[in-house]
Structures are given as structure tokens and as C-alpha cells.
Amino acid sequence: MNKYEQRSKNSYNKKAQNYDSTFDGKFTVKFKRMLYDNINVNANDVVADIACGNGRFLNMLAKRAPICGYGFDISEKMIEQAKALNPAMSFFTGGCDNLLLEAESIDIMTVCAAYHHFPEVDKFAKEAGRVIRKEGLLYIAEVYLPGFFRVLANPFIRFSKAGDVKFYSPEEIVSLFEGCGFIRKDVIISGMVQLVILQKV
């Protein structure tokens, strides 16, 4: 576990018990809403939520359709909350670059307000390419900052006690995944939220 993952783990373990009422929990509501409004799930879809936190988003999706849900998070305390909220789903403690999933087993993968925490996004992209089936979809709802503000913020974000690593433009996200077997389906930007939708080819 590298220093960013350790910071994230420590930070979110402290927030897990009352996460939805914390600043972070409230901040991520708009990301969950954008995801929910733009994702299409069907009965029996296999959905993996990476950096799933307390499992709130998977719970939202399960109320729309009976899905087979998997969640992964660096914080074991968050995973405890996720299991309690979604007892029929499977949850695992760990990073984003070594998912305990079979190859081409996932219909839909989501990342909600967490991509900027990933220490090695290239490894995550390769792992997503391994586990998402052909024509499966990847949704990344992430912080959006215009170029000037992103350039100003990125030299300092690495000092965050919450394990933040880097803010990305939608073009950077799309370009990375295009090199790992995905094509761009859509990019939606609303205020400080960007939603990048990619499809495995």
C-alpha cells in the first residue's frame, strides 16, 4: 500500500460511521445523482463500484433493478458499512488495480468522485479492461476543474491528508482508456462534475 492509499484508508476509516452526513458524503451526492441519471441498468446486470465507500450508490442502483453488485474500497470501515447496507452484495477491501474478479465478468463498472485518489490510473485502466466484458460500460464521475484551476491545484493536491493524487481533464481520462481497449461514448460536464462514459470494444 503506497502513501496515497494509506492516507485515503486512514481518512475514510475515520468518516465511515457517519459518512453520509460528513462534508465528503454531502459533496459526493451530486456525483451519485449524475451517475444515476445517466446510467442504464437492467435486471441481473453485474455491476462493480470501485471505491464504493459505504455502498450507497450500489444501493441506489439496486432499487432500480435487481443487480448483482460488487464493491471495492481501500477503507475496511467503509466496507463494513457497505455490507450492512447491501447484505446480498459482495464487498472487498483493497485498491483499484487488483480486483478479485474474473476476466470479462462485469457488465457495468462505476467510479464515483474517487478517480483523483487513484495512485496509478494506468494500472486501474488495464484492470478495468481485463474485467469488463466486451461492450460493457465504464462510468467515471469525477471532479471537473477548468484547465487553469487544474494547473494551479495539482501541485498541491498531493499533500492532501485524504489521499488525493491528481485532478484530470476529460481528455486525459478518455485518452488513457482508449489505450486500454475502450472507446469514448460520452462526456458530460455540469459545474464541478464531469461524467466520462466509456465502452469496452
C-alpha atoms as a PDB file:
ATOM      1  CA  MET A   1       0.000   0.000   0.000  1.00  0.00           C
ATOM      2  CA  ASN A   2       1.516   3.326  -1.043  1.00  0.00           C
ATOM      3  CA  LYS A   3       1.313   6.603   0.858  1.00  0.00           C
ATOM      4  CA  TYR A   4      -1.755   7.869  -1.018  1.00  0.00           C
ATOM      5  CA  GLU A   5      -3.690   4.685  -0.359  1.00  0.00           C
ATOM      6  CA  GLN A   6      -2.670   4.780   3.313  1.00  0.00           C
ATOM      7  CA  ARG A   7      -3.862   8.383   3.618  1.00  0.00           C
ATOM      8  CA  SER A   8      -7.167   7.510   1.955  1.00  0.00           C
ATOM      9  CA  LYS A   9      -7.620   4.493   4.187  1.00  0.00           C
ATOM     10  CA  ASN A  10      -6.958   6.471   7.363  1.00  0.00           C
ATOM     11  CA  SER A  11      -9.145   9.398   6.305  1.00  0.00           C
ATOM     12  CA  TYR A  12     -12.165   7.366   5.262  1.00  0.00           C
ATOM     13  CA  ASN A  13     -11.957   4.948   8.164  1.00  0.00           C
ATOM     14  CA  LYS A  14     -12.489   7.960  10.432  1.00  0.00           C
ATOM     15  CA  LYS A  15     -15.532   9.123   8.400  1.00  0.00           C
ATOM     16  CA  ALA A  16     -17.155   5.765   7.743  1.00  0.00           C
ATOM     17  CA  GLN A  17     -19.583   5.592  10.647  1.00  0.00           C
ATOM     18  CA  ASN A  18     -21.387   8.807   9.699  1.00  0.00           C
ATOM     19  CA  TYR A  19     -20.142   9.273   6.142  1.00  0.00           C
ATOM     20  CA  ASP A  20     -23.406  10.459   4.576  1.00  0.00           C
ATOM     21  CA  SER A  21     -23.581  13.401   6.985  1.00  0.00           C
ATOM     22  CA  THR A  22     -19.927  14.453   6.564  1.00  0.00           C
ATOM     23  CA  PHE A  23     -18.733  17.147   4.164  1.00  0.00           C
ATOM     24  CA  ASP A  24     -17.360  14.483   1.807  1.00  0.00           C
ATOM     25  CA  GLY A  25     -20.575  12.496   1.944  1.00  0.00           C
ATOM     26  CA  LYS A  26     -22.668  15.533   1.077  1.00  0.00           C
ATOM     27  CA  PHE A  27     -20.197  16.645  -1.615  1.00  0.00           C
ATOM     28  CA  THR A  28     -20.479  13.312  -3.445  1.00  0.00           C
ATOM     29  CA  VAL A  29     -24.287  13.443  -3.655  1.00  0.00           C
ATOM     30  CA  LYS A  30     -24.163  15.420  -6.919  1.00  0.00           C
ATOM     31  CA  PHE A  31     -21.748  12.862  -8.405  1.00  0.00           C
ATOM     32  CA  LYS A  32     -24.038   9.980  -7.452  1.00  0.00           C
ATOM     33  CA  ARG A  33     -27.000  11.842  -8.902  1.00  0.00           C
ATOM     34  CA  MET A  34     -25.266  12.459 -12.236  1.00  0.00           C
ATOM     35  CA  LEU A  35     -24.278   8.804 -12.415  1.00  0.00           C
ATOM     36  CA  TYR A  36     -27.752   7.629 -11.504  1.00  0.00           C
ATOM     37  CA  ASP A  37     -29.411   9.895 -14.050  1.00  0.00           C
ATOM     38  CA  ASN A  38     -27.177   8.707 -16.904  1.00  0.00           C
ATOM     39  CA  ILE A  39     -26.683   5.015 -16.205  1.00  0.00           C
ATOM     40  CA  ASN A  40     -28.888   2.276 -17.643  1.00  0.00           C
ATOM     41  CA  VAL A  41     -29.047  -0.895 -15.571  1.00  0.00           C
ATOM     42  CA  ASN A  42     -31.099  -3.978 -16.303  1.00  0.00           C
ATOM     43  CA  ALA A  43     -32.121  -6.933 -14.192  1.00  0.00           C
ATOM     44  CA  ASN A  44     -29.207  -9.286 -13.473  1.00  0.00           C
ATOM     45  CA  ASP A  45     -26.526  -6.879 -14.693  1.00  0.00           C
ATOM     46  CA  VAL A  46     -23.215  -7.450 -12.927  1.00  0.00           C
ATOM     47  CA  VAL A  47     -22.086  -4.095 -11.541  1.00  0.00           C
ATOM     48  CA  ALA A  48     -18.765  -3.283  -9.870  1.00  0.00           C
ATOM     49  CA  ASP A  49     -18.418   0.005  -7.987  1.00  0.00           C
ATOM     50  CA  ILE A  50     -14.763   0.909  -7.451  1.00  0.00           C
ATOM     51  CA  ALA A  51     -14.015   2.997  -4.342  1.00  0.00           C
ATOM     52  CA  CYS A  52     -17.580   2.179  -3.345  1.00  0.00           C
ATOM     53  CA  GLY A  53     -17.420   3.870   0.051  1.00  0.00           C
ATOM     54  CA  ASN A  54     -20.378   2.904   2.224  1.00  0.00           C
ATOM     55  CA  GLY A  55     -22.198   1.241  -0.688  1.00  0.00           C
ATOM     56  CA  ARG A  56     -24.782   3.990  -1.064  1.00  0.00           C
ATOM     57  CA  PHE A  57     -24.604   4.162  -4.881  1.00  0.00           C
ATOM     58  CA  LEU A  58     -24.938   0.405  -5.349  1.00  0.00           C
ATOM     59  CA  ASN A  59     -27.934   0.574  -3.041  1.00  0.00           C
ATOM     60  CA  MET A  60     -29.472   3.267  -5.248  1.00  0.00           C
ATOM     61  CA  LEU A  61     -28.963   1.128  -8.367  1.00  0.00           C
ATOM     62  CA  ALA A  62     -30.428  -1.953  -6.681  1.00  0.00           C
ATOM     63  CA  LYS A  63     -33.659  -0.066  -6.098  1.00  0.00           C
ATOM     64  CA  ARG A  64     -33.917   0.481  -9.862  1.00  0.00           C
ATOM     65  CA  ALA A  65     -33.209  -3.109 -10.919  1.00  0.00           C
ATOM     66  CA  PRO A  66     -32.138  -6.388  -9.246  1.00  0.00           C
ATOM     67  CA  ILE A  67     -28.407  -6.272  -9.972  1.00  0.00           C
ATOM     68  CA  CYS A  68     -25.507  -8.467  -8.946  1.00  0.00           C
ATOM     69  CA  GLY A  69     -23.316  -5.969  -7.099  1.00  0.00           C
ATOM     70  CA  TYR A  70     -19.638  -5.922  -6.194  1.00  0.00           C
ATOM     71  CA  GLY A  71     -17.911  -3.147  -4.277  1.00  0.00           C
ATOM     72  CA  PHE A  72     -14.245  -2.396  -3.634  1.00  0.00           C
ATOM     73  CA  ASP A  73     -12.775   0.181  -1.270  1.00  0.00           C
ATOM     74  CA  ILE A  74      -9.460   0.887   0.426  1.00  0.00           C
ATOM     75  CA  SER A  75     -11.202   1.534   3.756  1.00  0.00           C
ATOM     76  CA  GLU A  76     -12.251  -1.542   5.723  1.00  0.00           C
ATOM     77  CA  LYS A  77     -14.591   0.584   7.833  1.00  0.00           C
ATOM     78  CA  MET A  78     -16.389   1.779   4.690  1.00  0.00           C
ATOM     79  CA  ILE A  79     -16.672  -1.818   3.535  1.00  0.00           C
ATOM     80  CA  GLU A  80     -18.301  -2.734   6.857  1.00  0.00           C
ATOM     81  CA  GLN A  81     -20.931  -0.056   6.246  1.00  0.00           C
ATOM     82  CA  ALA A  82     -21.422  -1.190   2.641  1.00  0.00           C
ATOM     83  CA  LYS A  83     -22.001  -4.798   3.698  1.00  0.00           C
ATOM     84  CA  ALA A  84     -24.568  -3.727   6.291  1.00  0.00           C
ATOM     85  CA  LEU A  85     -26.434  -1.623   3.729  1.00  0.00           C
ATOM     86  CA  ASN A  86     -26.290  -4.248   0.954  1.00  0.00           C
ATOM     87  CA  PRO A  87     -26.218  -7.708   2.576  1.00  0.00           C
ATOM     88  CA  ALA A  88     -26.893  -9.523  -0.711  1.00  0.00           C
ATOM     89  CA  MET A  89     -23.870  -7.996  -2.475  1.00  0.00           C
ATOM     90  CA  SER A  90     -20.158  -8.824  -2.289  1.00  0.00           C
ATOM     91  CA  PHE A  91     -17.595  -6.336  -0.978  1.00  0.00           C
ATOM     92  CA  PHE A  92     -13.810  -6.396  -0.804  1.00  0.00           C
ATOM     93  CA  THR A  93     -11.181  -4.268   0.890  1.00  0.00           C
ATOM     94  CA  GLY A  94      -8.372  -3.227  -1.430  1.00  0.00           C
ATOM     95  CA  GLY A  95      -7.070  -0.907  -4.111  1.00  0.00           C
ATOM     96  CA  CYS A  96      -8.359  -0.320  -7.612  1.00  0.00           C
ATOM     97  CA  ASP A  97      -5.598  -2.089  -9.527  1.00  0.00           C
ATOM     98  CA  ASN A  98      -6.053  -5.667  -8.307  1.00  0.00           C
ATOM     99  CA  LEU A  99      -9.746  -6.547  -8.452  1.00  0.00           C
ATOM    100  CA  LEU A 100     -10.788 -10.005  -7.286  1.00  0.00           C
ATOM    101  CA  LEU A 101     -12.944 -10.593 -10.336  1.00  0.00           C
ATOM    102  CA  GLU A 102     -12.865 -12.989 -13.257  1.00  0.00           C
ATOM    103  CA  ALA A 103     -11.844 -11.698 -16.670  1.00  0.00           C
ATOM    104  CA  GLU A 104     -14.723 -10.232 -18.701  1.00  0.00           C
ATOM    105  CA  SER A 105     -17.202 -10.753 -15.854  1.00  0.00           C
ATOM    106  CA  ILE A 106     -18.547  -7.205 -15.394  1.00  0.00           C
ATOM    107  CA  ASP A 107     -21.329  -5.528 -17.376  1.00  0.00           C
ATOM    108  CA  ILE A 108     -21.028  -2.095 -15.766  1.00  0.00           C
ATOM    109  CA  MET A 109     -18.240  -0.506 -13.723  1.00  0.00           C
ATOM    110  CA  THR A 110     -18.603   2.779 -11.864  1.00  0.00           C
ATOM    111  CA  VAL A 111     -16.222   5.174 -10.131  1.00  0.00           C
ATOM    112  CA  CYS A 112     -17.869   7.961  -8.163  1.00  0.00           C
ATOM    113  CA  ALA A 113     -15.820  11.002  -7.058  1.00  0.00           C
ATOM    114  CA  ALA A 114     -12.757   8.843  -6.430  1.00  0.00           C
ATOM    115  CA  TYR A 115     -10.654   8.734  -9.611  1.00  0.00           C
ATOM    116  CA  HIS A 116      -8.454  11.574  -8.306  1.00  0.00           C
ATOM    117  CA  HIS A 117      -7.481   9.279  -5.402  1.00  0.00           C
ATOM    118  CA  PHE A 118      -6.106   6.509  -7.608  1.00  0.00           C
ATOM    119  CA  PRO A 119      -2.294   6.494  -7.345  1.00  0.00           C
ATOM    120  CA  GLU A 120      -1.709   4.653 -10.640  1.00  0.00           C
ATOM    121  CA  VAL A 121      -4.593   5.250 -13.017  1.00  0.00           C
ATOM    122  CA  ASP A 122      -2.816   3.359 -15.791  1.00  0.00           C
ATOM    123  CA  LYS A 123      -2.934   0.158 -13.738  1.00  0.00           C
ATOM    124  CA  PHE A 124      -6.595   0.731 -12.967  1.00  0.00           C
ATOM    125  CA  ALA A 125      -7.322   1.221 -16.682  1.00  0.00           C
ATOM    126  CA  LYS A 126      -5.667  -2.094 -17.524  1.00  0.00           C
ATOM    127  CA  GLU A 127      -7.544  -3.875 -14.730  1.00  0.00           C
ATOM    128  CA  ALA A 128     -10.842  -2.381 -15.883  1.00  0.00           C
ATOM    129  CA  GLY A 129     -10.049  -3.584 -19.396  1.00  0.00           C
ATOM    130  CA  ARG A 130      -9.453  -7.083 -18.029  1.00  0.00           C
ATOM    131  CA  VAL A 131     -12.668  -7.483 -16.011  1.00  0.00           C
ATOM    132  CA  ILE A 132     -15.240  -5.590 -18.100  1.00  0.00           C
ATOM    133  CA  ARG A 133     -16.854  -7.711 -20.795  1.00  0.00           C
ATOM    134  CA  LYS A 134     -16.914  -6.758 -24.471  1.00  0.00           C
ATOM    135  CA  GLU A 135     -19.395  -3.899 -24.996  1.00  0.00           C
ATOM    136  CA  GLY A 136     -19.554  -3.375 -21.221  1.00  0.00           C
ATOM    137  CA  LEU A 137     -19.591   0.170 -19.896  1.00  0.00           C
ATOM    138  CA  LEU A 138     -17.384   2.170 -17.549  1.00  0.00           C
ATOM    139  CA  TYR A 139     -18.750   5.320 -15.912  1.00  0.00           C
ATOM    140  CA  ILE A 140     -16.335   7.714 -14.197  1.00  0.00           C
ATOM    141  CA  ALA A 141     -17.988  10.586 -12.321  1.00  0.00           C
ATOM    142  CA  GLU A 142     -15.136  12.821 -11.298  1.00  0.00           C
ATOM    143  CA  VAL A 143     -14.243  16.326 -10.111  1.00  0.00           C
ATOM    144  CA  TYR A 144     -14.023  18.757 -13.012  1.00  0.00           C
ATOM    145  CA  LEU A 145     -11.780  21.819 -12.905  1.00  0.00           C
ATOM    146  CA  PRO A 146     -11.141  24.054 -15.927  1.00  0.00           C
ATOM    147  CA  GLY A 147      -7.553  23.868 -17.179  1.00  0.00           C
ATOM    148  CA  PHE A 148      -6.236  26.987 -15.400  1.00  0.00           C
ATOM    149  CA  PHE A 149      -7.560  25.894 -11.997  1.00  0.00           C
ATOM    150  CA  ARG A 150      -6.428  22.310 -12.537  1.00  0.00           C
ATOM    151  CA  VAL A 151      -2.879  23.503 -13.220  1.00  0.00           C
ATOM    152  CA  LEU A 152      -2.960  25.563 -10.038  1.00  0.00           C
ATOM    153  CA  ALA A 153      -4.411  22.789  -7.877  1.00  0.00           C
ATOM    154  CA  ASN A 154      -2.412  19.744  -8.942  1.00  0.00           C
ATOM    155  CA  PRO A 155       0.993  20.730  -7.434  1.00  0.00           C
ATOM    156  CA  PHE A 156      -0.665  20.980  -4.008  1.00  0.00           C
ATOM    157  CA  ILE A 157      -3.288  18.220  -4.061  1.00  0.00           C
ATOM    158  CA  ARG A 158      -0.651  15.549  -3.432  1.00  0.00           C
ATOM    159  CA  PHE A 159      -0.203  16.914   0.092  1.00  0.00           C
ATOM    160  CA  SER A 160      -3.838  16.223   0.949  1.00  0.00           C
ATOM    161  CA  LYS A 161      -4.356  14.144   4.091  1.00  0.00           C
ATOM    162  CA  ALA A 162      -7.284  12.430   2.322  1.00  0.00           C
ATOM    163  CA  GLY A 163      -5.017  10.758  -0.243  1.00  0.00           C
ATOM    164  CA  ASP A 164      -5.833  12.908  -3.274  1.00  0.00           C
ATOM    165  CA  VAL A 165      -3.351  12.458  -6.133  1.00  0.00           C
ATOM    166  CA  LYS A 166      -4.349  14.471  -9.225  1.00  0.00           C
ATOM    167  CA  PHE A 167      -7.288  16.137 -10.971  1.00  0.00           C
ATOM    168  CA  TYR A 168      -7.771  15.136 -14.618  1.00  0.00           C
ATOM    169  CA  SER A 169      -9.332  16.653 -17.688  1.00  0.00           C
ATOM    170  CA  PRO A 170     -11.904  14.552 -19.534  1.00  0.00           C
ATOM    171  CA  GLU A 171      -9.472  14.337 -22.443  1.00  0.00           C
ATOM    172  CA  GLU A 172      -6.800  12.796 -20.202  1.00  0.00           C
ATOM    173  CA  ILE A 173      -9.229  10.192 -18.893  1.00  0.00           C
ATOM    174  CA  VAL A 174     -10.533   9.278 -22.350  1.00  0.00           C
ATOM    175  CA  SER A 175      -7.040   9.087 -23.858  1.00  0.00           C
ATOM    176  CA  LEU A 176      -5.797   6.691 -21.179  1.00  0.00           C
ATOM    177  CA  PHE A 177      -8.715   4.289 -21.566  1.00  0.00           C
ATOM    178  CA  GLU A 178      -8.627   4.403 -25.352  1.00  0.00           C
ATOM    179  CA  GLY A 179      -5.198   2.850 -24.994  1.00  0.00           C
ATOM    180  CA  CYS A 180      -6.666   0.017 -22.910  1.00  0.00           C
ATOM    181  CA  GLY A 181      -9.420  -1.230 -25.192  1.00  0.00           C
ATOM    182  CA  PHE A 182     -12.173   1.343 -24.658  1.00  0.00           C
ATOM    183  CA  ILE A 183     -13.904   3.902 -26.827  1.00  0.00           C
ATOM    184  CA  ARG A 184     -15.487   7.157 -25.732  1.00  0.00           C
ATOM    185  CA  LYS A 185     -19.263   7.040 -25.530  1.00  0.00           C
ATOM    186  CA  ASP A 186     -19.947  10.439 -23.968  1.00  0.00           C
ATOM    187  CA  VAL A 187     -18.574  13.200 -21.745  1.00  0.00           C
ATOM    188  CA  ILE A 188     -20.996  15.286 -19.694  1.00  0.00           C
ATOM    189  CA  ILE A 189     -19.882  18.305 -17.664  1.00  0.00           C
ATOM    190  CA  SER A 190     -22.074  20.112 -15.145  1.00  0.00           C
ATOM    191  CA  GLY A 191     -20.407  22.588 -12.818  1.00  0.00           C
ATOM    192  CA  MET A 192     -17.623  20.797 -10.939  1.00  0.00           C
ATOM    193  CA  VAL A 193     -18.763  17.339 -12.046  1.00  0.00           C
ATOM    194  CA  GLN A 194     -17.654  15.502 -15.175  1.00  0.00           C
ATOM    195  CA  LEU A 195     -19.041  12.151 -16.249  1.00  0.00           C
ATOM    196  CA  VAL A 196     -16.886  10.178 -18.666  1.00  0.00           C
ATOM    197  CA  ILE A 197     -18.651   7.186 -20.243  1.00  0.00           C
ATOM    198  CA  LEU A 198     -16.517   4.557 -21.991  1.00  0.00           C
ATOM    199  CA  GLN A 199     -17.274   1.248 -23.676  1.00  0.00           C
ATOM    200  CA  LYS A 200     -15.082  -1.828 -23.896  1.00  0.00           C
ATOM    201  CA  VAL A 201     -14.508  -2.915 -27.502  1.00  0.00           C
END
